[in-house]
């Protein structure tokens, strides 16, 4: 799974990196080195520039936007938005069939930019409760580039809000996952799906039906993993020190 990640890039950097036409970001998000479920995150997606006029045979193509979404997908039919906290990941193997995801997979796909993500590896040491202590690892592109994680988004209408309320719609997202590639599988058996740059347009275009062939695990050797401080386990902790490699003498084995 993917339950924590880091996202420190500025909106202006993302606009250039992803060739975004329009920013729908109000106040920029602070760099976040401990992104957790239910937090606000940046998402790249494509929406229609305007509704086609009656009789218009050549509607404008969708435009690429940068938006702020809440991590934890709330399906449009959900009665309780709290369901989002349990829907932070969608498995690639079932995303096209599961009721919670299949409509979004068809037309509401996005990219979630990240510096990298965290996974926890169970060690031989035990906690006071007799459970294995877990060592966090940070996994990032070896070349220092941005990680374009495959995501889905939904728009949930809050029935308690007035029709003219600015916050009547809640925009939420989820990260797609797959089996981890061999060099990372010993840490965790799942990992986020990546979308390669040359497939971004097809993945984002709502006019293109959802296609699993656009999703690929990271190329073997393209990612690096290293142990980091256990402080990342507390969502209250934040800062670039959380993604710094841990000295070997401090690693929990």
C-alpha atoms as a PDB file:
ATOM      1  CA  UNK A   1       0.000   0.000   0.000  1.00  0.00           C
ATOM      2  CA  UNK A   2       0.952   3.658   0.051  1.00  0.00           C
ATOM      3  CA  UNK A   3      -0.008   5.304   3.329  1.00  0.00           C
ATOM      4  CA  UNK A   4       2.510   8.147   3.599  1.00  0.00           C
ATOM      5  CA  UNK A   5       4.488  10.182   1.109  1.00  0.00           C
ATOM      6  CA  UNK A   6       6.462  13.416   0.764  1.00  0.00           C
ATOM      7  CA  UNK A   7       5.512  16.354  -1.450  1.00  0.00           C
ATOM      8  CA  UNK A   8       7.685  19.458  -1.213  1.00  0.00           C
ATOM      9  CA  UNK A   9       7.584  20.980  -4.707  1.00  0.00           C
ATOM     10  CA  UNK A  10       6.136  24.441  -5.206  1.00  0.00           C
ATOM     11  CA  UNK A  11       3.059  24.969  -7.419  1.00  0.00           C
ATOM     12  CA  UNK A  12       5.088  26.919  -9.978  1.00  0.00           C
ATOM     13  CA  UNK A  13       7.512  23.991 -10.289  1.00  0.00           C
ATOM     14  CA  UNK A  14       4.631  21.570 -10.850  1.00  0.00           C
ATOM     15  CA  UNK A  15       3.041  23.860 -13.448  1.00  0.00           C
ATOM     16  CA  UNK A  16       6.224  23.653 -15.497  1.00  0.00           C
ATOM     17  CA  UNK A  17       6.991  19.976 -14.856  1.00  0.00           C
ATOM     18  CA  UNK A  18       3.523  18.769 -15.879  1.00  0.00           C
ATOM     19  CA  UNK A  19       2.855  21.407 -18.576  1.00  0.00           C
ATOM     20  CA  UNK A  20      -0.240  22.625 -16.748  1.00  0.00           C
ATOM     21  CA  UNK A  21      -2.482  25.180 -18.453  1.00  0.00           C
ATOM     22  CA  UNK A  22      -4.376  26.472 -15.427  1.00  0.00           C
ATOM     23  CA  UNK A  23      -3.732  26.528 -11.708  1.00  0.00           C
ATOM     24  CA  UNK A  24      -6.838  26.174  -9.521  1.00  0.00           C
ATOM     25  CA  UNK A  25      -4.703  26.461  -6.387  1.00  0.00           C
ATOM     26  CA  UNK A  26      -5.633  29.266  -4.018  1.00  0.00           C
ATOM     27  CA  UNK A  27      -3.176  29.429  -1.144  1.00  0.00           C
ATOM     28  CA  UNK A  28      -0.152  27.190  -1.894  1.00  0.00           C
ATOM     29  CA  UNK A  29       0.327  24.163   0.327  1.00  0.00           C
ATOM     30  CA  UNK A  30       3.330  24.130   2.612  1.00  0.00           C
ATOM     31  CA  UNK A  31       6.048  21.582   1.755  1.00  0.00           C
ATOM     32  CA  UNK A  32       4.907  18.358   3.403  1.00  0.00           C
ATOM     33  CA  UNK A  33       7.379  15.615   4.235  1.00  0.00           C
ATOM     34  CA  UNK A  34       4.792  13.478   6.012  1.00  0.00           C
ATOM     35  CA  UNK A  35       1.670  13.465   3.838  1.00  0.00           C
ATOM     36  CA  UNK A  36      -0.946  11.310   5.553  1.00  0.00           C
ATOM     37  CA  UNK A  37      -4.512  10.289   4.677  1.00  0.00           C
ATOM     38  CA  UNK A  38      -7.139  13.080   4.871  1.00  0.00           C
ATOM     39  CA  UNK A  39      -4.498  15.751   4.215  1.00  0.00           C
ATOM     40  CA  UNK A  40      -4.715  18.137   1.269  1.00  0.00           C
ATOM     41  CA  UNK A  41      -2.443  17.267  -1.658  1.00  0.00           C
ATOM     42  CA  UNK A  42      -1.639  18.540  -5.131  1.00  0.00           C
ATOM     43  CA  UNK A  43      -3.213  16.712  -8.069  1.00  0.00           C
ATOM     44  CA  UNK A  44      -2.811  17.120 -11.827  1.00  0.00           C
ATOM     45  CA  UNK A  45      -5.971  16.422 -13.814  1.00  0.00           C
ATOM     46  CA  UNK A  46      -7.808  17.407 -16.976  1.00  0.00           C
ATOM     47  CA  UNK A  47     -11.267  18.927 -17.154  1.00  0.00           C
ATOM     48  CA  UNK A  48     -13.376  20.329 -19.961  1.00  0.00           C
ATOM     49  CA  UNK A  49     -12.546  23.980 -20.631  1.00  0.00           C
ATOM     50  CA  UNK A  50     -16.258  24.717 -20.988  1.00  0.00           C
ATOM     51  CA  UNK A  51     -19.473  22.727 -21.567  1.00  0.00           C
ATOM     52  CA  UNK A  52     -20.060  22.212 -25.305  1.00  0.00           C
ATOM     53  CA  UNK A  53     -22.733  24.480 -26.757  1.00  0.00           C
ATOM     54  CA  UNK A  54     -25.815  22.920 -28.311  1.00  0.00           C
ATOM     55  CA  UNK A  55     -24.967  21.742 -31.802  1.00  0.00           C
ATOM     56  CA  UNK A  56     -21.227  22.233 -31.226  1.00  0.00           C
ATOM     57  CA  UNK A  57     -19.430  19.451 -33.078  1.00  0.00           C
ATOM     58  CA  UNK A  58     -15.970  20.610 -32.049  1.00  0.00           C
ATOM     59  CA  UNK A  59     -15.933  21.209 -28.287  1.00  0.00           C
ATOM     60  CA  UNK A  60     -12.773  22.548 -26.711  1.00  0.00           C
ATOM     61  CA  UNK A  61     -10.371  19.836 -25.511  1.00  0.00           C
ATOM     62  CA  UNK A  62      -9.957  19.355 -21.771  1.00  0.00           C
ATOM     63  CA  UNK A  63      -7.374  21.568 -20.092  1.00  0.00           C
ATOM     64  CA  UNK A  64      -4.703  20.375 -17.717  1.00  0.00           C
ATOM     65  CA  UNK A  65      -5.164  21.793 -14.237  1.00  0.00           C
ATOM     66  CA  UNK A  66      -3.395  21.799 -10.898  1.00  0.00           C
ATOM     67  CA  UNK A  67      -5.807  21.441  -7.983  1.00  0.00           C
ATOM     68  CA  UNK A  68      -5.744  20.739  -4.272  1.00  0.00           C
ATOM     69  CA  UNK A  69      -7.617  17.556  -3.309  1.00  0.00           C
ATOM     70  CA  UNK A  70      -8.130  15.654  -0.068  1.00  0.00           C
ATOM     71  CA  UNK A  71      -6.364  12.277   0.093  1.00  0.00           C
ATOM     72  CA  UNK A  72      -9.007   9.605   0.695  1.00  0.00           C
ATOM     73  CA  UNK A  73     -11.562   9.063  -2.054  1.00  0.00           C
ATOM     74  CA  UNK A  74     -15.241   9.669  -1.295  1.00  0.00           C
ATOM     75  CA  UNK A  75     -17.462   8.137  -4.029  1.00  0.00           C
ATOM     76  CA  UNK A  76     -20.152  10.440  -5.389  1.00  0.00           C
ATOM     77  CA  UNK A  77     -22.832   8.089  -4.000  1.00  0.00           C
ATOM     78  CA  UNK A  78     -21.410   7.927  -0.460  1.00  0.00           C
ATOM     79  CA  UNK A  79     -23.699   8.985   2.376  1.00  0.00           C
ATOM     80  CA  UNK A  80     -20.847   9.580   4.830  1.00  0.00           C
ATOM     81  CA  UNK A  81     -17.658  11.368   3.695  1.00  0.00           C
ATOM     82  CA  UNK A  82     -15.802   9.616   6.502  1.00  0.00           C
ATOM     83  CA  UNK A  83     -15.452   6.628   4.170  1.00  0.00           C
ATOM     84  CA  UNK A  84     -12.597   8.491   2.508  1.00  0.00           C
ATOM     85  CA  UNK A  85     -10.156   7.761   5.329  1.00  0.00           C
ATOM     86  CA  UNK A  86     -10.386   4.061   4.399  1.00  0.00           C
ATOM     87  CA  UNK A  87     -10.054   4.586   0.644  1.00  0.00           C
ATOM     88  CA  UNK A  88      -6.553   5.973   0.264  1.00  0.00           C
ATOM     89  CA  UNK A  89      -5.422   3.199  -2.108  1.00  0.00           C
ATOM     90  CA  UNK A  90      -7.074   1.391  -5.024  1.00  0.00           C
ATOM     91  CA  UNK A  91      -5.606  -1.914  -6.203  1.00  0.00           C
ATOM     92  CA  UNK A  92      -4.768  -2.028  -9.894  1.00  0.00           C
ATOM     93  CA  UNK A  93      -6.056  -5.598 -10.081  1.00  0.00           C
ATOM     94  CA  UNK A  94      -9.635  -4.608  -9.188  1.00  0.00           C
ATOM     95  CA  UNK A  95      -9.916  -0.876  -9.922  1.00  0.00           C
ATOM     96  CA  UNK A  96     -11.897  -1.352 -13.144  1.00  0.00           C
ATOM     97  CA  UNK A  97     -14.591  -3.455 -11.413  1.00  0.00           C
ATOM     98  CA  UNK A  98     -15.004  -2.178  -7.841  1.00  0.00           C
ATOM     99  CA  UNK A  99     -18.083   0.086  -7.503  1.00  0.00           C
ATOM    100  CA  UNK A 100     -16.147   2.645  -5.473  1.00  0.00           C
ATOM    101  CA  UNK A 101     -13.556   3.160  -8.196  1.00  0.00           C
ATOM    102  CA  UNK A 102     -14.777   2.039 -11.618  1.00  0.00           C
ATOM    103  CA  UNK A 103     -16.554   5.294 -12.538  1.00  0.00           C
ATOM    104  CA  UNK A 104     -13.541   7.373 -11.558  1.00  0.00           C
ATOM    105  CA  UNK A 105     -11.222   4.992 -13.411  1.00  0.00           C
ATOM    106  CA  UNK A 106     -13.283   5.538 -16.558  1.00  0.00           C
ATOM    107  CA  UNK A 107     -13.142   9.339 -16.672  1.00  0.00           C
ATOM    108  CA  UNK A 108     -11.629  10.890 -13.521  1.00  0.00           C
ATOM    109  CA  UNK A 109      -7.966   9.988 -13.446  1.00  0.00           C
ATOM    110  CA  UNK A 110      -5.183  12.145 -12.075  1.00  0.00           C
ATOM    111  CA  UNK A 111      -1.493  12.290 -11.258  1.00  0.00           C
ATOM    112  CA  UNK A 112      -0.329  12.826  -7.694  1.00  0.00           C
ATOM    113  CA  UNK A 113       3.153  14.381  -7.646  1.00  0.00           C
ATOM    114  CA  UNK A 114       5.476  13.137  -4.910  1.00  0.00           C
ATOM    115  CA  UNK A 115       9.126  13.330  -3.912  1.00  0.00           C
ATOM    116  CA  UNK A 116       8.854   9.726  -2.756  1.00  0.00           C
ATOM    117  CA  UNK A 117       6.871   7.518  -0.392  1.00  0.00           C
ATOM    118  CA  UNK A 118       7.366   5.666   2.903  1.00  0.00           C
ATOM    119  CA  UNK A 119       7.037   1.993   3.762  1.00  0.00           C
ATOM    120  CA  UNK A 120       7.681   0.165   7.019  1.00  0.00           C
ATOM    121  CA  UNK A 121       9.751  -3.027   7.267  1.00  0.00           C
ATOM    122  CA  UNK A 122       9.191  -5.379  10.249  1.00  0.00           C
ATOM    123  CA  UNK A 123      12.454  -6.087  12.077  1.00  0.00           C
ATOM    124  CA  UNK A 124      13.605  -8.830  14.418  1.00  0.00           C
ATOM    125  CA  UNK A 125      13.268  -6.539  17.451  1.00  0.00           C
ATOM    126  CA  UNK A 126      10.055  -6.623  19.448  1.00  0.00           C
ATOM    127  CA  UNK A 127       8.014  -3.871  21.035  1.00  0.00           C
ATOM    128  CA  UNK A 128       6.846  -4.010  24.648  1.00  0.00           C
ATOM    129  CA  UNK A 129       3.636  -5.558  23.315  1.00  0.00           C
ATOM    130  CA  UNK A 130       5.617  -8.351  21.688  1.00  0.00           C
ATOM    131  CA  UNK A 131       5.098  -7.141  18.109  1.00  0.00           C
ATOM    132  CA  UNK A 132       7.970  -6.630  15.614  1.00  0.00           C
ATOM    133  CA  UNK A 133       9.388  -3.118  15.583  1.00  0.00           C
ATOM    134  CA  UNK A 134       9.108  -1.535  12.149  1.00  0.00           C
ATOM    135  CA  UNK A 135      11.829   0.434  10.394  1.00  0.00           C
ATOM    136  CA  UNK A 136      10.569   3.122   7.990  1.00  0.00           C
ATOM    137  CA  UNK A 137      12.159   3.413   4.554  1.00  0.00           C
ATOM    138  CA  UNK A 138      11.882   6.325   2.119  1.00  0.00           C
ATOM    139  CA  UNK A 139      11.581   5.284  -1.530  1.00  0.00           C
ATOM    140  CA  UNK A 140      12.248   7.858  -4.239  1.00  0.00           C
ATOM    141  CA  UNK A 141      13.396   8.178  -7.877  1.00  0.00           C
ATOM    142  CA  UNK A 142      17.112   7.512  -8.077  1.00  0.00           C
ATOM    143  CA  UNK A 143      17.552  10.500 -10.403  1.00  0.00           C
ATOM    144  CA  UNK A 144      15.862  12.909  -7.982  1.00  0.00           C
ATOM    145  CA  UNK A 145      12.933  13.535 -10.335  1.00  0.00           C
ATOM    146  CA  UNK A 146       9.279  13.820  -9.452  1.00  0.00           C
ATOM    147  CA  UNK A 147       7.244  10.676  -8.817  1.00  0.00           C
ATOM    148  CA  UNK A 148       4.011  10.827 -10.855  1.00  0.00           C
ATOM    149  CA  UNK A 149       1.756   8.443  -8.962  1.00  0.00           C
ATOM    150  CA  UNK A 150      -1.368   7.218 -10.724  1.00  0.00           C
ATOM    151  CA  UNK A 151      -4.503   8.409  -8.973  1.00  0.00           C
ATOM    152  CA  UNK A 152      -8.262   8.723  -9.282  1.00  0.00           C
ATOM    153  CA  UNK A 153     -10.430  11.586  -8.099  1.00  0.00           C
ATOM    154  CA  UNK A 154     -14.077  12.065  -7.231  1.00  0.00           C
ATOM    155  CA  UNK A 155     -16.363  15.026  -6.539  1.00  0.00           C
ATOM    156  CA  UNK A 156     -18.790  14.532  -3.638  1.00  0.00           C
ATOM    157  CA  UNK A 157     -21.751  16.851  -3.146  1.00  0.00           C
ATOM    158  CA  UNK A 158     -22.277  17.692   0.522  1.00  0.00           C
ATOM    159  CA  UNK A 159     -26.058  17.556   1.045  1.00  0.00           C
ATOM    160  CA  UNK A 160     -25.777  19.721   4.164  1.00  0.00           C
ATOM    161  CA  UNK A 161     -24.472  22.686   2.161  1.00  0.00           C
ATOM    162  CA  UNK A 162     -26.565  25.271   0.344  1.00  0.00           C
ATOM    163  CA  UNK A 163     -26.658  25.146  -3.451  1.00  0.00           C
ATOM    164  CA  UNK A 164     -24.635  28.348  -3.666  1.00  0.00           C
ATOM    165  CA  UNK A 165     -22.074  27.435  -0.981  1.00  0.00           C
ATOM    166  CA  UNK A 166     -18.494  27.610  -2.213  1.00  0.00           C
ATOM    167  CA  UNK A 167     -17.593  24.432  -0.289  1.00  0.00           C
ATOM    168  CA  UNK A 168     -20.584  22.305  -1.313  1.00  0.00           C
ATOM    169  CA  UNK A 169     -18.352  20.007  -3.402  1.00  0.00           C
ATOM    170  CA  UNK A 170     -15.579  17.939  -1.865  1.00  0.00           C
ATOM    171  CA  UNK A 171     -12.766  16.880  -4.200  1.00  0.00           C
ATOM    172  CA  UNK A 172     -10.968  13.725  -3.064  1.00  0.00           C
ATOM    173  CA  UNK A 173      -8.432  11.261  -4.473  1.00  0.00           C
ATOM    174  CA  UNK A 174      -6.831   7.855  -4.076  1.00  0.00           C
ATOM    175  CA  UNK A 175      -3.478   6.316  -5.084  1.00  0.00           C
ATOM    176  CA  UNK A 176      -3.387   3.236  -7.322  1.00  0.00           C
ATOM    177  CA  UNK A 177      -1.100   0.424  -6.175  1.00  0.00           C
ATOM    178  CA  UNK A 178       0.410  -2.747  -7.609  1.00  0.00           C
ATOM    179  CA  UNK A 179       2.799  -5.521  -6.603  1.00  0.00           C
ATOM    180  CA  UNK A 180       6.210  -4.131  -5.696  1.00  0.00           C
ATOM    181  CA  UNK A 181       9.079  -4.711  -8.087  1.00  0.00           C
ATOM    182  CA  UNK A 182      11.716  -7.213  -6.953  1.00  0.00           C
ATOM    183  CA  UNK A 183      14.230  -4.804  -5.423  1.00  0.00           C
ATOM    184  CA  UNK A 184      11.534  -3.260  -3.203  1.00  0.00           C
ATOM    185  CA  UNK A 185       9.357  -6.291  -2.505  1.00  0.00           C
ATOM    186  CA  UNK A 186      11.374  -7.246   0.556  1.00  0.00           C
ATOM    187  CA  UNK A 187      10.285  -3.976   2.206  1.00  0.00           C
ATOM    188  CA  UNK A 188       6.590  -4.152   1.289  1.00  0.00           C
ATOM    189  CA  UNK A 189       4.671  -6.264  -1.220  1.00  0.00           C
ATOM    190  CA  UNK A 190       2.729  -3.279  -2.637  1.00  0.00           C
ATOM    191  CA  UNK A 191       3.828   0.017  -4.174  1.00  0.00           C
ATOM    192  CA  UNK A 192       2.246   3.016  -5.928  1.00  0.00           C
ATOM    193  CA  UNK A 193       1.765   2.770  -9.669  1.00  0.00           C
ATOM    194  CA  UNK A 194       3.720   5.236 -11.744  1.00  0.00           C
ATOM    195  CA  UNK A 195       2.665   6.863 -15.000  1.00  0.00           C
ATOM    196  CA  UNK A 196       5.548   7.455 -17.402  1.00  0.00           C
ATOM    197  CA  UNK A 197       5.822  10.939 -18.909  1.00  0.00           C
ATOM    198  CA  UNK A 198       4.941   9.795 -22.431  1.00  0.00           C
ATOM    199  CA  UNK A 199       1.667   8.343 -21.082  1.00  0.00           C
ATOM    200  CA  UNK A 200       0.526  11.314 -19.027  1.00  0.00           C
ATOM    201  CA  UNK A 201      -1.728  12.724 -21.745  1.00  0.00           C
ATOM    202  CA  UNK A 202      -3.625   9.474 -22.349  1.00  0.00           C
ATOM    203  CA  UNK A 203      -3.946   8.775 -18.627  1.00  0.00           C
ATOM    204  CA  UNK A 204      -5.353  12.215 -17.842  1.00  0.00           C
ATOM    205  CA  UNK A 205      -7.607  12.690 -20.882  1.00  0.00           C
ATOM    206  CA  UNK A 206     -11.225  12.025 -19.770  1.00  0.00           C
ATOM    207  CA  UNK A 207     -12.142  11.318 -23.401  1.00  0.00           C
ATOM    208  CA  UNK A 208      -9.904   8.227 -23.320  1.00  0.00           C
ATOM    209  CA  UNK A 209     -11.399   5.214 -21.542  1.00  0.00           C
ATOM    210  CA  UNK A 210      -9.490   3.909 -18.540  1.00  0.00           C
ATOM    211  CA  UNK A 211      -6.713   1.614 -19.742  1.00  0.00           C
ATOM    212  CA  UNK A 212      -4.674  -0.583 -17.452  1.00  0.00           C
ATOM    213  CA  UNK A 213      -1.908  -0.796 -20.046  1.00  0.00           C
ATOM    214  CA  UNK A 214      -1.046   2.854 -19.304  1.00  0.00           C
ATOM    215  CA  UNK A 215      -0.047   1.829 -15.785  1.00  0.00           C
ATOM    216  CA  UNK A 216       3.346   0.322 -15.135  1.00  0.00           C
ATOM    217  CA  UNK A 217       5.412  -0.470 -12.048  1.00  0.00           C
ATOM    218  CA  UNK A 218       8.561   1.608 -11.726  1.00  0.00           C
ATOM    219  CA  UNK A 219      11.371   0.359 -13.940  1.00  0.00           C
ATOM    220  CA  UNK A 220      13.689  -1.964 -12.002  1.00  0.00           C
ATOM    221  CA  UNK A 221      16.508   0.083 -10.555  1.00  0.00           C
ATOM    222  CA  UNK A 222      14.691   3.371 -11.104  1.00  0.00           C
ATOM    223  CA  UNK A 223      13.924   3.804  -7.413  1.00  0.00           C
ATOM    224  CA  UNK A 224      16.167   3.811  -4.379  1.00  0.00           C
ATOM    225  CA  UNK A 225      15.195   2.979  -0.808  1.00  0.00           C
ATOM    226  CA  UNK A 226      16.953   3.891   2.420  1.00  0.00           C
ATOM    227  CA  UNK A 227      16.062   3.828   6.134  1.00  0.00           C
ATOM    228  CA  UNK A 228      14.863   7.038   7.765  1.00  0.00           C
ATOM    229  CA  UNK A 229      13.963   8.214  11.240  1.00  0.00           C
ATOM    230  CA  UNK A 230      11.104   6.509  13.057  1.00  0.00           C
ATOM    231  CA  UNK A 231       9.843  10.039  13.762  1.00  0.00           C
ATOM    232  CA  UNK A 232       7.915   9.819  10.486  1.00  0.00           C
ATOM    233  CA  UNK A 233       5.530   7.434  12.233  1.00  0.00           C
ATOM    234  CA  UNK A 234       3.967  10.392  14.058  1.00  0.00           C
ATOM    235  CA  UNK A 235       1.922  12.551  11.665  1.00  0.00           C
ATOM    236  CA  UNK A 236       2.650  15.588  13.835  1.00  0.00           C
ATOM    237  CA  UNK A 237       6.305  15.421  12.811  1.00  0.00           C
ATOM    238  CA  UNK A 238       7.250  17.179   9.596  1.00  0.00           C
ATOM    239  CA  UNK A 239      10.332  18.568   7.926  1.00  0.00           C
ATOM    240  CA  UNK A 240      13.095  17.588   5.472  1.00  0.00           C
ATOM    241  CA  UNK A 241      14.906  15.639   8.194  1.00  0.00           C
ATOM    242  CA  UNK A 242      12.262  12.914   7.814  1.00  0.00           C
ATOM    243  CA  UNK A 243      13.585  11.992   4.360  1.00  0.00           C
ATOM    244  CA  UNK A 244      17.283  12.083   5.275  1.00  0.00           C
ATOM    245  CA  UNK A 245      19.090   8.703   5.175  1.00  0.00           C
ATOM    246  CA  UNK A 246      19.553   7.314   8.654  1.00  0.00           C
ATOM    247  CA  UNK A 247      23.104   6.598   9.893  1.00  0.00           C
ATOM    248  CA  UNK A 248      23.632   2.835  10.004  1.00  0.00           C
ATOM    249  CA  UNK A 249      24.153   2.813  13.772  1.00  0.00           C
ATOM    250  CA  UNK A 250      20.617   4.178  14.234  1.00  0.00           C
ATOM    251  CA  UNK A 251      18.873   1.627  12.029  1.00  0.00           C
ATOM    252  CA  UNK A 252      16.519  -0.784  13.807  1.00  0.00           C
ATOM    253  CA  UNK A 253      17.414  -4.290  12.641  1.00  0.00           C
END
